[in-house]
Amino acid sequence: METISWQDFEQVDLRVGTIVTAEVFAEARRPAYILHVDFGQDIGVLKSSAQITELYQPEDLVGQQVIGVVNFPLKQIGPIQSQCLITGFPQADGSVVLIQPERPVENGLKLA
């Protein structure tokens, strides 16, 4: 495994946010949801496409806190621009388990 420096790690801006809306991304090539995630007052609400349909339903995602990378460049995914990357662990069967704090924290806090 290749190592990185502390400065490399500090460049990745990982923040906690709360999912405020989740809807089926009908135009996606692979099943996905469009998530709007509130990353707090300084960052605001960002949009992301997330391929997490195997383990999660849209109505169950609203109100859940997740960890997202908020400093990637915008990425065009079909008709939407993804503004952040929601993190998760891909499993052998292709499903993804979201990374979530084990208790509620303030939106926008940076992973340390």
N, C-alpha and C. Protein backbone atom coordinates (compact mmCIF):
# COMPACT_ATOMS: atom_id res chain seq x y z
N MET A 1 0.84 -1.17 0.00
CA MET A 1 0.00 0.00 0.00
C MET A 1 0.89 1.24 0.00
N GLU A 2 0.54 2.17 -0.84
CA GLU A 2 1.29 3.42 -0.92
C GLU A 2 0.85 4.35 0.21
N THR A 3 1.80 5.04 0.83
CA THR A 3 1.46 5.99 1.89
C THR A 3 1.32 7.39 1.30
N ILE A 4 0.58 8.23 2.04
CA ILE A 4 0.43 9.63 1.66
C ILE A 4 0.91 10.48 2.84
N SER A 5 1.14 11.74 2.57
CA SER A 5 1.56 12.64 3.64
C SER A 5 0.33 13.19 4.36
N TRP A 6 0.57 13.76 5.53
CA TRP A 6 -0.50 14.42 6.27
C TRP A 6 -1.08 15.56 5.42
N GLN A 7 -0.24 16.27 4.69
CA GLN A 7 -0.71 17.36 3.83
C GLN A 7 -1.65 16.84 2.74
N ASP A 8 -1.34 15.66 2.20
CA ASP A 8 -2.25 15.05 1.21
C ASP A 8 -3.62 14.81 1.83
N PHE A 9 -3.64 14.22 3.03
CA PHE A 9 -4.90 13.93 3.71
C PHE A 9 -5.69 15.21 3.98
N GLU A 10 -4.99 16.25 4.41
CA GLU A 10 -5.66 17.51 4.73
C GLU A 10 -6.33 18.16 3.53
N GLN A 11 -5.92 17.79 2.33
CA GLN A 11 -6.53 18.36 1.13
C GLN A 11 -7.93 17.81 0.87
N VAL A 12 -8.23 16.63 1.40
CA VAL A 12 -9.55 16.04 1.22
C VAL A 12 -10.47 16.62 2.29
N ASP A 13 -11.49 17.35 1.87
CA ASP A 13 -12.40 18.01 2.81
C ASP A 13 -13.61 17.11 3.05
N LEU A 14 -13.54 16.31 4.10
CA LEU A 14 -14.61 15.39 4.49
C LEU A 14 -15.46 16.06 5.56
N ARG A 15 -16.75 16.21 5.28
CA ARG A 15 -17.66 16.89 6.20
C ARG A 15 -18.89 16.03 6.47
N VAL A 16 -19.51 16.27 7.61
CA VAL A 16 -20.76 15.61 7.93
C VAL A 16 -21.91 16.50 7.47
N GLY A 17 -22.94 15.84 6.94
CA GLY A 17 -24.13 16.55 6.50
C GLY A 17 -25.36 15.69 6.70
N THR A 18 -26.51 16.33 6.68
CA THR A 18 -27.78 15.64 6.84
C THR A 18 -28.53 15.61 5.52
N ILE A 19 -28.99 14.44 5.13
CA ILE A 19 -29.77 14.31 3.89
C ILE A 19 -31.12 14.98 4.10
N VAL A 20 -31.42 15.97 3.23
CA VAL A 20 -32.70 16.68 3.34
C VAL A 20 -33.71 16.20 2.32
N THR A 21 -33.24 15.70 1.16
CA THR A 21 -34.14 15.06 0.20
C THR A 21 -33.40 13.91 -0.47
N ALA A 22 -34.16 12.91 -0.84
CA ALA A 22 -33.63 11.75 -1.56
C ALA A 22 -34.70 11.30 -2.54
N GLU A 23 -34.31 11.18 -3.82
CA GLU A 23 -35.28 10.76 -4.84
C GLU A 23 -34.60 9.83 -5.83
N VAL A 24 -35.40 9.02 -6.47
CA VAL A 24 -34.88 8.10 -7.48
C VAL A 24 -34.33 8.91 -8.64
N PHE A 25 -33.14 8.55 -9.09
CA PHE A 25 -32.48 9.19 -10.24
C PHE A 25 -32.86 8.36 -11.47
N ALA A 26 -34.02 8.67 -12.03
CA ALA A 26 -34.60 7.87 -13.11
C ALA A 26 -33.71 7.81 -14.35
N GLU A 27 -32.95 8.86 -14.64
CA GLU A 27 -32.13 8.91 -15.85
C GLU A 27 -30.77 8.23 -15.68
N ALA A 28 -30.44 7.78 -14.51
CA ALA A 28 -29.12 7.17 -14.26
C ALA A 28 -28.99 5.84 -15.01
N ARG A 29 -27.78 5.56 -15.50
CA ARG A 29 -27.52 4.28 -16.19
C ARG A 29 -27.58 3.12 -15.22
N ARG A 30 -27.05 3.32 -14.02
CA ARG A 30 -27.13 2.31 -12.96
C ARG A 30 -28.03 2.88 -11.86
N PRO A 31 -28.80 2.04 -11.19
CA PRO A 31 -29.73 2.55 -10.17
C PRO A 31 -29.03 3.47 -9.17
N ALA A 32 -29.63 4.64 -8.94
CA ALA A 32 -29.04 5.63 -8.05
C ALA A 32 -30.14 6.54 -7.51
N TYR A 33 -29.77 7.29 -6.47
CA TYR A 33 -30.63 8.33 -5.93
C TYR A 33 -29.94 9.68 -6.12
N ILE A 34 -30.76 10.73 -6.20
CA ILE A 34 -30.25 12.09 -6.12
C ILE A 34 -30.47 12.53 -4.67
N LEU A 35 -29.38 12.88 -4.02
CA LEU A 35 -29.43 13.32 -2.63
C LEU A 35 -29.12 14.81 -2.55
N HIS A 36 -29.84 15.51 -1.71
CA HIS A 36 -29.50 16.89 -1.34
C HIS A 36 -29.10 16.82 0.12
N VAL A 37 -27.86 17.24 0.41
CA VAL A 37 -27.29 17.08 1.74
C VAL A 37 -26.91 18.45 2.30
N ASP A 38 -27.39 18.73 3.51
CA ASP A 38 -27.11 19.99 4.18
C ASP A 38 -25.79 19.86 4.96
N PHE A 39 -24.75 20.57 4.48
CA PHE A 39 -23.45 20.55 5.12
C PHE A 39 -23.22 21.78 6.00
N GLY A 40 -24.28 22.38 6.48
CA GLY A 40 -24.15 23.48 7.42
C GLY A 40 -24.09 24.84 6.75
N GLN A 41 -24.07 25.86 7.60
CA GLN A 41 -24.18 27.24 7.14
C GLN A 41 -23.06 27.67 6.19
N ASP A 42 -21.84 27.25 6.44
CA ASP A 42 -20.71 27.70 5.60
C ASP A 42 -20.71 27.07 4.21
N ILE A 43 -21.19 25.85 4.08
CA ILE A 43 -21.15 25.13 2.80
C ILE A 43 -22.52 25.11 2.14
N GLY A 44 -23.56 24.90 2.91
CA GLY A 44 -24.91 24.86 2.39
C GLY A 44 -25.33 23.46 1.94
N VAL A 45 -26.37 23.42 1.12
CA VAL A 45 -26.92 22.15 0.62
C VAL A 45 -26.26 21.83 -0.71
N LEU A 46 -25.70 20.62 -0.80
CA LEU A 46 -25.06 20.15 -2.03
C LEU A 46 -25.80 18.93 -2.55
N LYS A 47 -25.72 18.74 -3.88
CA LYS A 47 -26.40 17.64 -4.56
C LYS A 47 -25.39 16.57 -4.93
N SER A 48 -25.84 15.30 -4.84
CA SER A 48 -24.98 14.18 -5.21
C SER A 48 -25.81 13.05 -5.79
N SER A 49 -25.21 12.31 -6.70
CA SER A 49 -25.79 11.07 -7.19
C SER A 49 -25.14 9.95 -6.39
N ALA A 50 -25.96 9.05 -5.83
CA ALA A 50 -25.42 7.98 -4.99
C ALA A 50 -26.03 6.64 -5.39
N GLN A 51 -25.16 5.70 -5.70
CA GLN A 51 -25.60 4.35 -6.07
C GLN A 51 -25.71 3.49 -4.81
N ILE A 52 -26.77 3.75 -4.05
CA ILE A 52 -26.97 3.09 -2.76
C ILE A 52 -28.35 2.45 -2.68
N THR A 53 -28.93 2.11 -3.83
CA THR A 53 -30.32 1.65 -3.87
C THR A 53 -30.55 0.25 -3.31
N GLU A 54 -29.50 -0.56 -3.21
CA GLU A 54 -29.69 -1.93 -2.73
C GLU A 54 -30.05 -1.99 -1.25
N LEU A 55 -29.49 -1.08 -0.46
CA LEU A 55 -29.67 -1.16 0.99
C LEU A 55 -30.54 -0.05 1.58
N TYR A 56 -30.85 0.97 0.79
CA TYR A 56 -31.55 2.14 1.33
C TYR A 56 -32.74 2.53 0.45
N GLN A 57 -33.80 3.00 1.10
CA GLN A 57 -34.96 3.56 0.41
C GLN A 57 -34.95 5.07 0.61
N PRO A 58 -35.40 5.84 -0.39
CA PRO A 58 -35.33 7.31 -0.27
C PRO A 58 -35.96 7.85 1.02
N GLU A 59 -37.12 7.34 1.37
CA GLU A 59 -37.80 7.86 2.55
C GLU A 59 -37.05 7.57 3.85
N ASP A 60 -36.24 6.52 3.86
CA ASP A 60 -35.44 6.19 5.06
C ASP A 60 -34.16 7.02 5.14
N LEU A 61 -33.72 7.59 4.03
CA LEU A 61 -32.48 8.37 4.01
C LEU A 61 -32.64 9.78 4.55
N VAL A 62 -33.82 10.36 4.37
CA VAL A 62 -34.05 11.74 4.81
C VAL A 62 -33.87 11.82 6.33
N GLY A 63 -33.02 12.76 6.74
CA GLY A 63 -32.71 12.94 8.15
C GLY A 63 -31.47 12.20 8.61
N GLN A 64 -30.93 11.31 7.77
CA GLN A 64 -29.72 10.58 8.11
C GLN A 64 -28.49 11.45 7.89
N GLN A 65 -27.51 11.34 8.77
CA GLN A 65 -26.25 12.04 8.57
C GLN A 65 -25.28 11.15 7.82
N VAL A 66 -24.51 11.76 6.92
CA VAL A 66 -23.53 11.06 6.09
C VAL A 66 -22.24 11.87 6.05
N ILE A 67 -21.19 11.23 5.54
CA ILE A 67 -19.91 11.90 5.37
C ILE A 67 -19.70 12.11 3.87
N GLY A 68 -19.36 13.34 3.49
CA GLY A 68 -19.16 13.64 2.09
C GLY A 68 -17.87 14.40 1.84
N VAL A 69 -17.30 14.18 0.66
CA VAL A 69 -16.16 14.97 0.21
C VAL A 69 -16.76 16.19 -0.49
N VAL A 70 -16.45 17.37 0.02
CA VAL A 70 -17.10 18.58 -0.48
C VAL A 70 -16.20 19.46 -1.35
N ASN A 71 -14.96 19.00 -1.59
CA ASN A 71 -14.06 19.85 -2.39
C ASN A 71 -13.59 19.18 -3.68
N PHE A 72 -14.35 18.21 -4.18
CA PHE A 72 -14.09 17.68 -5.52
C PHE A 72 -14.66 18.66 -6.54
N PRO A 73 -14.12 18.66 -7.77
CA PRO A 73 -14.76 19.48 -8.80
C PRO A 73 -16.14 18.91 -9.14
N LEU A 74 -16.99 19.75 -9.69
CA LEU A 74 -18.32 19.31 -10.11
C LEU A 74 -18.18 18.18 -11.13
N LYS A 75 -19.11 17.23 -11.09
CA LYS A 75 -19.08 16.11 -12.04
C LYS A 75 -20.46 15.98 -12.67
N GLN A 76 -20.49 16.04 -14.00
CA GLN A 76 -21.74 15.88 -14.73
C GLN A 76 -22.10 14.40 -14.77
N ILE A 77 -23.27 14.06 -14.25
CA ILE A 77 -23.76 12.68 -14.26
C ILE A 77 -25.13 12.73 -14.91
N GLY A 78 -25.18 12.41 -16.20
CA GLY A 78 -26.44 12.54 -16.93
C GLY A 78 -26.90 13.99 -16.87
N PRO A 79 -28.17 14.21 -16.50
CA PRO A 79 -28.69 15.57 -16.50
C PRO A 79 -28.37 16.38 -15.23
N ILE A 80 -27.68 15.80 -14.25
CA ILE A 80 -27.39 16.57 -13.04
C ILE A 80 -25.88 16.79 -12.87
N GLN A 81 -25.54 17.81 -12.11
CA GLN A 81 -24.15 18.05 -11.71
C GLN A 81 -24.02 17.63 -10.26
N SER A 82 -23.17 16.64 -10.03
CA SER A 82 -22.90 16.20 -8.67
C SER A 82 -21.91 17.18 -8.04
N GLN A 83 -22.24 17.68 -6.84
CA GLN A 83 -21.44 18.70 -6.18
C GLN A 83 -20.59 18.15 -5.04
N CYS A 84 -20.80 16.90 -4.68
CA CYS A 84 -20.04 16.29 -3.59
C CYS A 84 -20.07 14.77 -3.78
N LEU A 85 -19.21 14.08 -3.04
CA LEU A 85 -19.16 12.62 -3.08
C LEU A 85 -19.56 12.10 -1.71
N ILE A 86 -20.65 11.35 -1.66
CA ILE A 86 -21.08 10.73 -0.41
C ILE A 86 -20.31 9.43 -0.26
N THR A 87 -19.73 9.21 0.91
CA THR A 87 -18.82 8.09 1.10
C THR A 87 -19.53 6.85 1.63
N GLY A 88 -19.00 5.70 1.23
CA GLY A 88 -19.54 4.42 1.68
C GLY A 88 -18.55 3.31 1.40
N PHE A 89 -18.87 2.15 1.95
CA PHE A 89 -18.03 0.97 1.76
C PHE A 89 -18.71 0.02 0.78
N PRO A 90 -18.12 -0.20 -0.41
CA PRO A 90 -18.69 -1.18 -1.35
C PRO A 90 -18.44 -2.59 -0.84
N GLN A 91 -19.48 -3.40 -0.92
CA GLN A 91 -19.39 -4.79 -0.49
C GLN A 91 -19.22 -5.70 -1.71
N ALA A 92 -18.90 -6.96 -1.47
CA ALA A 92 -18.64 -7.92 -2.54
C ALA A 92 -19.82 -8.04 -3.50
N ASP A 93 -21.04 -7.88 -3.01
CA ASP A 93 -22.22 -8.02 -3.87
C ASP A 93 -22.55 -6.75 -4.64
N GLY A 94 -21.74 -5.69 -4.46
CA GLY A 94 -21.96 -4.43 -5.17
C GLY A 94 -22.76 -3.41 -4.39
N SER A 95 -23.38 -3.81 -3.30
CA SER A 95 -24.12 -2.84 -2.48
C SER A 95 -23.13 -1.96 -1.73
N VAL A 96 -23.61 -0.80 -1.31
CA VAL A 96 -22.75 0.17 -0.63
C VAL A 96 -23.37 0.50 0.74
N VAL A 97 -22.53 0.42 1.78
CA VAL A 97 -22.94 0.80 3.13
C VAL A 97 -22.42 2.21 3.39
N LEU A 98 -23.32 3.12 3.69
CA LEU A 98 -22.93 4.52 3.93
C LEU A 98 -22.06 4.66 5.17
N ILE A 99 -21.14 5.61 5.12
CA ILE A 99 -20.36 5.98 6.29
C ILE A 99 -21.16 7.05 7.04
N GLN A 100 -21.44 6.78 8.31
CA GLN A 100 -22.26 7.68 9.12
C GLN A 100 -21.65 7.84 10.50
N PRO A 101 -21.80 9.03 11.12
CA PRO A 101 -21.34 9.17 12.50
C PRO A 101 -22.20 8.30 13.42
N GLU A 102 -21.59 7.81 14.49
CA GLU A 102 -22.33 6.92 15.38
C GLU A 102 -23.30 7.65 16.31
N ARG A 103 -23.23 8.98 16.31
CA ARG A 103 -24.21 9.79 17.03
C ARG A 103 -24.33 11.13 16.31
N PRO A 104 -25.43 11.85 16.49
CA PRO A 104 -25.62 13.11 15.77
C PRO A 104 -24.53 14.13 16.11
N VAL A 105 -24.08 14.83 15.08
CA VAL A 105 -23.11 15.92 15.24
C VAL A 105 -23.58 17.10 14.39
N GLU A 106 -22.99 18.24 14.60
CA GLU A 106 -23.36 19.45 13.87
C GLU A 106 -22.99 19.33 12.40
N ASN A 107 -23.94 19.66 11.52
CA ASN A 107 -23.66 19.65 10.09
C ASN A 107 -22.49 20.57 9.77
N GLY A 108 -21.63 20.10 8.88
CA GLY A 108 -20.49 20.90 8.42
C GLY A 108 -19.20 20.62 9.15
N LEU A 109 -19.26 19.85 10.25
CA LEU A 109 -18.02 19.55 10.95
C LEU A 109 -17.09 18.76 10.04
N LYS A 110 -15.80 19.08 10.11
CA LYS A 110 -14.80 18.43 9.27
C LYS A 110 -14.24 17.20 9.99
N LEU A 111 -14.07 16.13 9.22
CA LEU A 111 -13.46 14.93 9.77
C LEU A 111 -12.03 15.23 10.16
N ALA A 112 -11.65 14.82 11.36
CA ALA A 112 -10.29 15.09 11.86
C ALA A 112 -9.60 13.77 12.20
